[in-house]
């Protein structure tokens, strides 16, 4: 739809600072029953053409933030932005989750090959010829040690950034505190609790010993790594058979006190069903708003979603669950005085309605930013960085073509690096991570002459 056609449909605008449109650009909002003509620029408290254009731009801006994981579009390196390759075909949702893909790929491995719960604290490799036995030792949090000739490292760029300092515990604490400080989020008990798992016997260990080459360290530091979270919301629509795809338009300079929608919620650009007949809606959050959301309780997130839906469509009553689940939820709440149905994970509120209790929206959401094993979601090429840094990150240590190392008889290809942040053209994607894994497997096969 052309912009002028889109705008021509908006002859009425809400004076409460927000508008909603369905996926076709049709207005679906008459919040609080108030509607106004698009006002003149002098009436700054109401909608005008400029504020509407800014609101439409914000939709695109916030959409791009979730695509790139950058907190601000100013964080992106524009010349390198064009190097990204969009993979052909449609985006798909795997019904049973990505774990089903892992189970399928790993099904050909002998039993016991994959070991769980082995959190690696330190990776010792050798940069000298004084080496007897396998050159790489992996020290795990539980005290176990694995020895290997080659290790393919697939941890996130966030973990690599955190692991560069001599004190891993100090840098993790600093990383979490800086996220809270720079993104105006107070450290919560959830964040504080993440500072203990990386400690063993009261000490901290550097992730790589000896340190990685300086060129790789600089590449890791320059590249960007951000936070993107999803919130899945189970709601029962009360108008029509199914939910609509709603896109939210907000006034950029709106007085927050005039709306029940919190500021962090105003950075999500849409709320839409995961498929056309689903009662589960999906919203995306990026950057500081994602980190804020992670620190909130489920009740607070659910309340914010309810407030948003209510302000955009005052006729809709938000329910969680449907059919027998909703009735069971209500029955348990009345019987036990509880606000959680443990069997179904459905939260309910004791809001007074004519029919008694009514279940509110049930939510599930990710916490990539405060997960100590990830510390974020995916990478981007930050301002001051370039695609070359991703190539440098992908280089093995030591390299198999390094003449100096060959002369010193230092074992080659001890550390190999894979993961989405090592793919120059498909970073931030699952297929990019997969391709990088194939690349490193083929590198080892070629090194031993097994690649045909």
Protein backbone atom coordinates (compact mmCIF):
# COMPACT_ATOMS: atom_id res chain seq x y z
CA UNK A 1 0.00 0.00 0.00
CA UNK A 2 1.32 3.46 -0.88
CA UNK A 3 1.92 5.84 1.98
CA UNK A 4 -0.64 8.40 0.80
CA UNK A 5 -3.27 5.65 0.52
CA UNK A 6 -2.34 4.47 3.99
CA UNK A 7 -2.64 7.95 5.45
CA UNK A 8 -5.89 8.69 3.65
CA UNK A 9 -7.50 5.85 5.59
CA UNK A 10 -6.64 7.60 8.85
CA UNK A 11 -9.16 10.46 8.84
CA UNK A 12 -9.84 9.74 12.47
CA UNK A 13 -7.07 9.55 15.05
CA UNK A 14 -7.10 8.90 18.76
CA UNK A 15 -6.27 11.74 21.14
CA UNK A 16 -4.71 9.31 23.63
CA UNK A 17 -1.44 9.08 21.70
CA UNK A 18 -1.86 5.70 20.04
CA UNK A 19 -3.37 4.13 16.94
CA UNK A 20 -3.58 0.54 15.75
CA UNK A 21 -3.88 -0.90 12.28
CA UNK A 22 -4.44 -4.42 11.11
CA UNK A 23 -2.10 -6.09 8.61
CA UNK A 24 -3.88 -4.43 5.68
CA UNK A 25 -3.51 -0.92 7.03
CA UNK A 26 -7.16 -0.63 8.12
CA UNK A 27 -7.79 1.18 11.38
CA UNK A 28 -9.00 -1.07 14.18
CA UNK A 29 -8.91 1.50 16.98
CA UNK A 30 -11.45 3.76 18.65
CA UNK A 31 -9.80 3.86 22.05
CA UNK A 32 -12.01 5.14 24.86
CA UNK A 33 -14.64 5.93 22.27
CA UNK A 34 -12.80 9.13 21.29
CA UNK A 35 -12.03 9.98 17.69
CA UNK A 36 -10.79 13.21 16.18
CA UNK A 37 -9.97 14.62 12.81
CA UNK A 38 -6.23 14.77 12.17
CA UNK A 39 -5.46 18.09 13.88
CA UNK A 40 -3.44 20.98 12.61
CA UNK A 41 0.26 21.23 13.55
CA UNK A 42 -0.61 23.89 16.11
CA UNK A 43 -2.61 21.36 18.12
CA UNK A 44 0.47 19.50 19.29
CA UNK A 45 -1.41 17.42 21.86
CA UNK A 46 -3.34 15.67 19.11
CA UNK A 47 -2.39 13.79 15.97
CA UNK A 48 -1.10 15.64 12.92
CA UNK A 49 0.55 14.57 9.70
CA UNK A 50 4.05 14.90 11.13
CA UNK A 51 3.30 12.83 14.23
CA UNK A 52 1.59 10.20 12.11
CA UNK A 53 4.57 9.97 9.74
CA UNK A 54 6.92 9.73 12.70
CA UNK A 55 4.78 6.97 14.17
CA UNK A 56 4.85 5.01 10.92
CA UNK A 57 8.62 5.45 10.75
CA UNK A 58 8.94 4.17 14.32
CA UNK A 59 7.22 0.94 13.27
CA UNK A 60 9.93 0.38 10.69
CA UNK A 61 12.66 1.46 13.09
CA UNK A 62 11.58 -0.93 15.85
CA UNK A 63 11.10 -3.72 13.33
CA UNK A 64 14.67 -3.21 12.12
CA UNK A 65 15.93 -3.23 15.71
CA UNK A 66 14.53 -6.73 16.20
CA UNK A 67 15.97 -7.82 12.84
CA UNK A 68 19.46 -6.60 13.68
CA UNK A 69 19.52 -6.85 17.51
CA UNK A 70 20.95 -3.32 17.64
CA UNK A 71 19.61 -1.14 20.45
CA UNK A 72 19.73 1.84 18.07
CA UNK A 73 20.05 2.01 14.31
CA UNK A 74 22.92 4.42 14.91
CA UNK A 75 24.86 1.42 16.24
CA UNK A 76 24.95 -0.22 12.80
CA UNK A 77 27.78 0.08 10.29
CA UNK A 78 25.99 1.25 7.16
CA UNK A 79 28.64 0.27 4.53
CA UNK A 80 28.71 -3.30 5.86
CA UNK A 81 24.93 -3.48 6.17
CA UNK A 82 24.58 -4.29 2.47
CA UNK A 83 26.77 -7.38 2.74
CA UNK A 84 24.06 -9.32 4.54
CA UNK A 85 22.40 -11.91 2.31
CA UNK A 86 18.71 -12.58 2.78
CA UNK A 87 18.21 -16.33 2.48
CA UNK A 88 15.61 -17.20 -0.21
CA UNK A 89 12.26 -18.68 0.73
CA UNK A 90 9.76 -18.07 3.48
CA UNK A 91 10.45 -17.96 7.19
CA UNK A 92 9.06 -21.07 8.84
CA UNK A 93 8.10 -22.06 12.36
CA UNK A 94 9.24 -25.50 13.48
CA UNK A 95 6.23 -26.96 15.27
CA UNK A 96 8.24 -28.82 17.94
CA UNK A 97 10.97 -26.22 18.24
CA UNK A 98 14.61 -26.16 17.20
CA UNK A 99 15.40 -28.97 19.63
CA UNK A 100 13.75 -31.39 17.21
CA UNK A 101 16.35 -30.42 14.59
CA UNK A 102 19.18 -31.07 17.06
CA UNK A 103 17.72 -34.43 18.02
CA UNK A 104 17.50 -35.41 14.37
CA UNK A 105 21.09 -34.37 13.58
CA UNK A 106 22.47 -36.07 16.68
CA UNK A 107 20.53 -39.31 16.24
CA UNK A 108 23.40 -40.83 14.19
CA UNK A 109 25.93 -40.31 17.01
CA UNK A 110 26.84 -43.16 19.40
CA UNK A 111 25.09 -43.03 22.79
CA UNK A 112 26.89 -40.88 25.34
CA UNK A 113 28.65 -38.74 22.72
CA UNK A 114 26.80 -35.63 23.85
CA UNK A 115 27.30 -34.77 27.51
CA UNK A 116 25.02 -32.29 29.27
CA UNK A 117 25.66 -29.97 32.18
CA UNK A 118 29.34 -29.51 31.30
CA UNK A 119 29.79 -25.77 31.63
CA UNK A 120 33.26 -24.90 30.33
CA UNK A 121 35.18 -22.54 32.61
CA UNK A 122 38.50 -22.36 30.78
CA UNK A 123 40.06 -23.49 27.52
CA UNK A 124 43.80 -24.17 27.73
CA UNK A 125 45.63 -24.39 24.43
CA UNK A 126 49.32 -24.27 23.59
CA UNK A 127 51.29 -21.64 21.73
CA UNK A 128 54.63 -23.45 22.08
CA UNK A 129 56.16 -26.74 20.97
CA UNK A 130 56.49 -27.94 24.57
CA UNK A 131 53.40 -30.08 24.31
CA UNK A 132 52.94 -33.71 25.16
CA UNK A 133 49.58 -35.31 24.55
CA UNK A 134 46.52 -33.48 23.24
CA UNK A 135 47.22 -29.73 23.11
CA UNK A 136 43.77 -28.52 24.23
CA UNK A 137 42.33 -29.00 27.72
CA UNK A 138 38.76 -28.01 28.56
CA UNK A 139 38.20 -27.28 32.26
CA UNK A 140 34.55 -27.63 33.31
CA UNK A 141 32.74 -26.10 36.23
CA UNK A 142 32.23 -29.48 37.87
CA UNK A 143 36.00 -30.12 37.93
CA UNK A 144 36.11 -32.49 34.97
CA UNK A 145 38.69 -31.98 32.20
CA UNK A 146 38.44 -32.97 28.54
CA UNK A 147 41.51 -33.29 26.33
CA UNK A 148 41.40 -32.84 22.55
CA UNK A 149 43.50 -32.17 19.49
CA UNK A 150 40.86 -29.81 18.13
CA UNK A 151 37.93 -27.92 19.69
CA UNK A 152 35.17 -26.23 17.69
CA UNK A 153 33.93 -23.29 19.78
CA UNK A 154 30.32 -22.32 19.10
CA UNK A 155 29.53 -20.13 22.13
CA UNK A 156 27.80 -16.83 21.49
CA UNK A 157 29.67 -13.62 20.74
CA UNK A 158 28.35 -12.36 24.06
CA UNK A 159 30.15 -15.15 25.92
CA UNK A 160 33.33 -14.51 23.92
CA UNK A 161 33.18 -10.84 24.84
CA UNK A 162 32.69 -11.73 28.49
CA UNK A 163 35.46 -14.31 28.41
CA UNK A 164 38.22 -12.04 27.12
CA UNK A 165 39.06 -10.54 30.50
CA UNK A 166 41.49 -12.19 32.89
CA UNK A 167 38.72 -12.47 35.45
CA UNK A 168 35.69 -14.05 33.86
CA UNK A 169 33.56 -13.44 36.92
CA UNK A 170 34.49 -9.78 37.06
CA UNK A 171 33.74 -9.19 33.39
CA UNK A 172 30.40 -11.01 33.63
CA UNK A 173 29.40 -8.92 36.60
CA UNK A 174 30.62 -5.81 34.78
CA UNK A 175 28.76 -6.83 31.61
CA UNK A 176 25.47 -7.27 33.42
CA UNK A 177 25.88 -4.10 35.46
CA UNK A 178 26.81 -2.09 32.37
CA UNK A 179 23.74 -3.40 30.56
CA UNK A 180 21.59 -2.24 33.45
CA UNK A 181 23.41 1.10 33.72
CA UNK A 182 23.66 2.06 30.06
CA UNK A 183 20.13 0.90 29.29
CA UNK A 184 18.59 2.56 32.37
CA UNK A 185 17.57 -0.71 34.00
CA UNK A 186 18.03 -1.34 37.69
CA UNK A 187 19.78 -4.61 38.52
CA UNK A 188 17.17 -7.09 39.70
CA UNK A 189 17.54 -10.18 41.84
CA UNK A 190 17.36 -12.16 38.60
CA UNK A 191 20.48 -10.40 37.31
CA UNK A 192 22.27 -10.73 40.65
CA UNK A 193 21.65 -14.47 40.71
CA UNK A 194 23.55 -14.87 37.45
CA UNK A 195 26.84 -13.86 39.04
CA UNK A 196 27.34 -17.11 40.97
CA UNK A 197 27.24 -19.95 38.39
CA UNK A 198 30.57 -18.98 36.79
CA UNK A 199 32.44 -19.32 40.08
CA UNK A 200 34.18 -22.50 41.24
CA UNK A 201 35.91 -22.80 44.59
CA UNK A 202 35.60 -19.05 45.02
CA UNK A 203 37.93 -18.28 42.10
CA UNK A 204 37.57 -16.92 38.58
CA UNK A 205 39.38 -18.19 35.52
CA UNK A 206 40.05 -16.58 32.15
CA UNK A 207 38.17 -18.34 29.35
CA UNK A 208 41.22 -18.67 27.06
CA UNK A 209 44.66 -19.48 28.41
CA UNK A 210 46.91 -18.23 26.90
CA UNK A 211 44.88 -15.28 25.53
CA UNK A 212 43.68 -15.31 21.95
CA UNK A 213 45.71 -13.44 19.29
CA UNK A 214 45.27 -9.68 19.48
CA UNK A 215 43.64 -9.46 16.04
CA UNK A 216 40.88 -11.83 17.14
CA UNK A 217 40.43 -10.02 20.46
CA UNK A 218 39.98 -6.72 18.64
CA UNK A 219 37.48 -8.25 16.20
CA UNK A 220 35.41 -9.66 19.09
CA UNK A 221 35.41 -6.29 20.84
CA UNK A 222 34.39 -4.33 17.73
CA UNK A 223 31.51 -6.54 16.59
CA UNK A 224 28.05 -5.84 17.95
CA UNK A 225 25.95 -8.25 19.96
CA UNK A 226 22.44 -7.38 21.06
CA UNK A 227 19.31 -8.61 22.78
CA UNK A 228 16.07 -9.64 21.08
CA UNK A 229 13.28 -11.35 23.02
CA UNK A 230 9.91 -12.79 22.11
CA UNK A 231 6.78 -12.69 24.24
CA UNK A 232 4.10 -15.26 23.44
CA UNK A 233 0.65 -14.39 24.74
CA UNK A 234 -2.34 -16.72 24.94
CA UNK A 235 -5.54 -14.71 24.55
CA UNK A 236 -9.10 -15.53 23.72
CA UNK A 237 -10.54 -13.07 21.21
CA UNK A 238 -14.06 -11.88 22.00
CA UNK A 239 -14.77 -10.26 18.65
CA UNK A 240 -14.72 -12.39 15.52
CA UNK A 241 -13.30 -15.86 15.18
CA UNK A 242 -9.59 -15.02 15.25
CA UNK A 243 -7.09 -12.39 16.28
CA UNK A 244 -6.03 -9.70 13.85
CA UNK A 245 -2.47 -8.69 13.11
CA UNK A 246 -2.15 -5.38 14.93
CA UNK A 247 0.55 -2.80 14.24
CA UNK A 248 0.94 -0.05 16.82
CA UNK A 249 1.54 3.60 16.04
CA UNK A 250 2.53 5.86 18.91
CA UNK A 251 3.25 9.55 19.18
CA UNK A 252 6.97 9.95 19.77
CA UNK A 253 6.69 12.87 22.20
CA UNK A 254 3.63 11.77 24.10
CA UNK A 255 3.13 12.39 27.81
CA UNK A 256 3.57 8.98 29.45
CA UNK A 257 1.23 9.92 32.30
CA UNK A 258 -1.70 10.07 29.89
CA UNK A 259 -1.60 6.36 29.04
CA UNK A 260 -1.52 3.06 30.89
CA UNK A 261 0.87 1.64 28.29
CA UNK A 262 4.39 1.55 29.81
CA UNK A 263 7.26 3.09 27.87
CA UNK A 264 9.03 -0.22 27.26
CA UNK A 265 5.85 -1.68 25.76
CA UNK A 266 5.61 1.24 23.34
CA UNK A 267 8.74 -0.06 21.58
CA UNK A 268 7.08 -3.21 20.29
CA UNK A 269 5.75 -2.57 16.81
CA UNK A 270 3.11 -5.28 16.52
CA UNK A 271 1.16 -8.06 18.18
CA UNK A 272 0.12 -10.81 15.82
CA UNK A 273 -1.04 -14.45 15.84
CA UNK A 274 1.70 -17.01 15.15
CA UNK A 275 -0.54 -18.41 12.41
CA UNK A 276 -3.84 -17.32 10.96
CA UNK A 277 -6.07 -19.35 13.28
CA UNK A 278 -3.96 -19.23 16.41
CA UNK A 279 -5.00 -17.76 19.74
CA UNK A 280 -1.33 -17.22 20.60
CA UNK A 281 0.00 -13.74 19.83
CA UNK A 282 3.64 -12.82 19.41
CA UNK A 283 5.43 -9.56 20.25
CA UNK A 284 9.12 -8.73 19.77
CA UNK A 285 11.36 -6.60 21.99
CA UNK A 286 14.92 -5.44 21.39
CA UNK A 287 17.72 -3.67 23.22
CA UNK A 288 17.05 -1.98 26.54
CA UNK A 289 13.32 -2.69 26.34
CA UNK A 290 14.04 -6.42 26.02
CA UNK A 291 16.31 -6.27 29.06
CA UNK A 292 13.68 -4.38 31.01
CA UNK A 293 11.07 -6.97 30.09
CA UNK A 294 13.34 -9.80 31.29
CA UNK A 295 13.58 -8.23 34.74
CA UNK A 296 9.78 -8.00 35.17
CA UNK A 297 7.50 -10.64 36.62
CA UNK A 298 5.10 -12.48 34.34
CA UNK A 299 2.22 -10.66 36.00
CA UNK A 300 3.70 -7.26 35.17
CA UNK A 301 4.32 -8.24 31.53
CA UNK A 302 0.80 -9.63 31.23
CA UNK A 303 -0.63 -6.44 32.72
CA UNK A 304 1.28 -4.31 30.20
CA UNK A 305 -0.03 -6.38 27.29
CA UNK A 306 -3.56 -6.16 28.63
CA UNK A 307 -3.25 -2.37 28.98
CA UNK A 308 -1.97 -2.06 25.42
CA UNK A 309 -4.74 -4.16 23.92
CA UNK A 310 -7.34 -2.34 26.01
CA UNK A 311 -6.16 1.13 24.93
CA UNK A 312 -6.11 0.16 21.28
CA UNK A 313 -9.44 -1.68 21.35
CA UNK A 314 -11.60 -0.94 24.37
CA UNK A 315 -14.28 -3.44 23.29
CA UNK A 316 -11.99 -6.45 23.61
CA UNK A 317 -11.89 -8.39 26.86
CA UNK A 318 -8.62 -10.20 27.25
CA UNK A 319 -8.81 -13.80 28.38
CA UNK A 320 -6.18 -16.47 28.70
CA UNK A 321 -6.77 -20.01 27.70
CA UNK A 322 -9.82 -21.23 25.91
CA UNK A 323 -12.45 -23.91 26.23
CA UNK A 324 -11.87 -26.39 29.05
CA UNK A 325 -8.51 -24.85 29.98
CA UNK A 326 -10.12 -21.49 30.71
CA UNK A 327 -12.88 -23.06 32.79
CA UNK A 328 -10.39 -25.21 34.69
CA UNK A 329 -8.28 -22.14 35.33
CA UNK A 330 -11.26 -20.26 36.75
CA UNK A 331 -12.33 -23.24 38.85
CA UNK A 332 -8.89 -23.65 40.42
CA UNK A 333 -8.60 -19.94 41.16
CA UNK A 334 -11.95 -19.91 42.96
CA UNK A 335 -11.26 -23.15 44.81
CA UNK A 336 -7.67 -22.52 45.91
CA UNK A 337 -7.49 -18.75 45.98
CA UNK A 338 -4.41 -19.26 43.79
CA UNK A 339 -3.37 -17.30 40.72
CA UNK A 340 -1.64 -20.09 38.85
CA UNK A 341 -2.88 -23.27 37.24
CA UNK A 342 0.26 -25.39 37.60
CA UNK A 343 -0.98 -27.98 35.16
CA UNK A 344 -1.35 -25.54 32.31
CA UNK A 345 0.81 -22.58 33.33
CA UNK A 346 -2.13 -20.21 32.94
CA UNK A 347 -2.08 -17.11 35.13
CA UNK A 348 -5.41 -15.66 36.21
CA UNK A 349 -6.35 -12.40 37.88
CA UNK A 350 -9.02 -11.74 40.47
CA UNK A 351 -10.42 -8.78 38.59
CA UNK A 352 -14.07 -8.23 39.37
CA UNK A 353 -16.40 -8.94 36.46
CA UNK A 354 -20.07 -9.68 36.21
CA UNK A 355 -19.29 -13.37 35.73
CA UNK A 356 -16.78 -13.57 38.60
CA UNK A 357 -13.10 -14.18 38.00
CA UNK A 358 -11.75 -13.81 34.53
CA UNK A 359 -8.46 -15.33 33.42
CA UNK A 360 -5.98 -12.84 32.02
CA UNK A 361 -3.40 -13.42 29.35
CA UNK A 362 -0.91 -16.22 29.86
CA UNK A 363 2.62 -15.53 28.69
CA UNK A 364 5.89 -17.22 27.90
CA UNK A 365 8.98 -15.23 27.03
CA UNK A 366 12.69 -15.61 26.37
CA UNK A 367 15.50 -14.19 28.52
CA UNK A 368 18.51 -14.18 26.22
CA UNK A 369 20.10 -11.08 27.71
CA UNK A 370 20.37 -12.37 31.27
CA UNK A 371 21.10 -16.01 30.40
CA UNK A 372 24.76 -16.47 31.47
CA UNK A 373 25.33 -19.04 28.72
CA UNK A 374 24.36 -16.54 25.99
CA UNK A 375 24.38 -12.95 27.33
CA UNK A 376 22.35 -11.79 24.34
CA UNK A 377 20.68 -13.01 21.17
CA UNK A 378 22.70 -12.50 18.00
CA UNK A 379 25.37 -10.39 16.38
CA UNK A 380 25.45 -7.38 14.09
CA UNK A 381 28.20 -5.40 12.41
CA UNK A 382 28.56 -2.39 14.66
CA UNK A 383 29.71 1.08 13.67
CA UNK A 384 33.50 0.95 13.53
CA UNK A 385 33.47 -2.74 12.67
CA UNK A 386 33.19 -4.50 9.31
CA UNK A 387 32.57 -7.88 7.75
CA UNK A 388 36.32 -8.46 7.90
CA UNK A 389 36.01 -8.78 11.68
CA UNK A 390 33.65 -11.74 11.21
CA UNK A 391 36.21 -13.35 8.89
CA UNK A 392 38.91 -12.80 11.52
CA UNK A 393 36.67 -14.29 14.21
CA UNK A 394 36.20 -17.37 12.01
CA UNK A 395 39.96 -17.98 11.63
CA UNK A 396 41.32 -21.00 13.55
CA UNK A 397 44.04 -20.70 16.20
CA UNK A 398 46.77 -21.50 15.29
CA UNK A 399 46.12 -21.43 11.55
CA UNK A 400 47.00 -24.47 9.43
CA UNK A 401 48.93 -22.26 6.96
CA UNK A 402 50.94 -20.37 9.57
CA UNK A 403 54.55 -21.02 8.56
CA UNK A 404 55.95 -19.71 11.83
CA UNK A 405 53.86 -22.14 13.84
CA UNK A 406 54.85 -24.99 11.51
CA UNK A 407 58.52 -24.25 12.00
CA UNK A 408 58.05 -24.22 15.78
CA UNK A 409 56.11 -27.48 15.61
CA UNK A 410 53.04 -25.96 17.26
CA UNK A 411 49.92 -28.12 16.70
CA UNK A 412 47.62 -26.48 14.14
CA UNK A 413 43.87 -25.90 14.31
CA UNK A 414 43.60 -26.30 18.07
CA UNK A 415 40.73 -23.81 18.34
CA UNK A 416 38.16 -23.52 15.57
CA UNK A 417 35.32 -21.01 15.72
CA UNK A 418 31.76 -21.46 14.46
CA UNK A 419 28.39 -19.85 15.14
CA UNK A 420 26.29 -17.17 13.52
CA UNK A 421 28.77 -14.39 14.38
CA UNK A 422 31.44 -16.09 12.26
CA UNK A 423 29.44 -15.99 9.01
CA UNK A 424 30.01 -12.75 7.16
CA UNK A 425 26.87 -12.94 5.01
CA UNK A 426 24.35 -14.89 7.13
CA UNK A 427 25.13 -13.69 10.64
CA UNK A 428 22.27 -13.54 13.17
CA UNK A 429 20.54 -16.56 11.60
CA UNK A 430 20.16 -20.26 12.32
CA UNK A 431 21.22 -21.22 8.82
CA UNK A 432 24.31 -19.02 9.17
CA UNK A 433 25.24 -20.92 12.33
CA UNK A 434 24.66 -24.22 10.55
CA UNK A 435 26.77 -23.22 7.54
CA UNK A 436 29.60 -22.16 9.84
CA UNK A 437 29.55 -25.56 11.54
CA UNK A 438 29.78 -27.32 8.19
CA UNK A 439 32.66 -25.00 7.25
CA UNK A 440 34.71 -25.94 10.30
CA UNK A 441 33.97 -29.65 9.93
CA UNK A 442 35.17 -29.49 6.33
CA UNK A 443 38.25 -27.55 7.46
CA UNK A 444 39.27 -30.44 9.71
CA UNK A 445 38.46 -33.05 7.08
CA UNK A 446 40.62 -31.19 4.56
CA UNK A 447 43.46 -30.88 7.12
CA UNK A 448 43.59 -34.66 7.49
CA UNK A 449 43.06 -35.28 3.78
CA UNK A 450 39.68 -36.89 4.30
CA UNK A 451 37.68 -34.40 2.22
CA UNK A 452 36.95 -35.77 -1.24
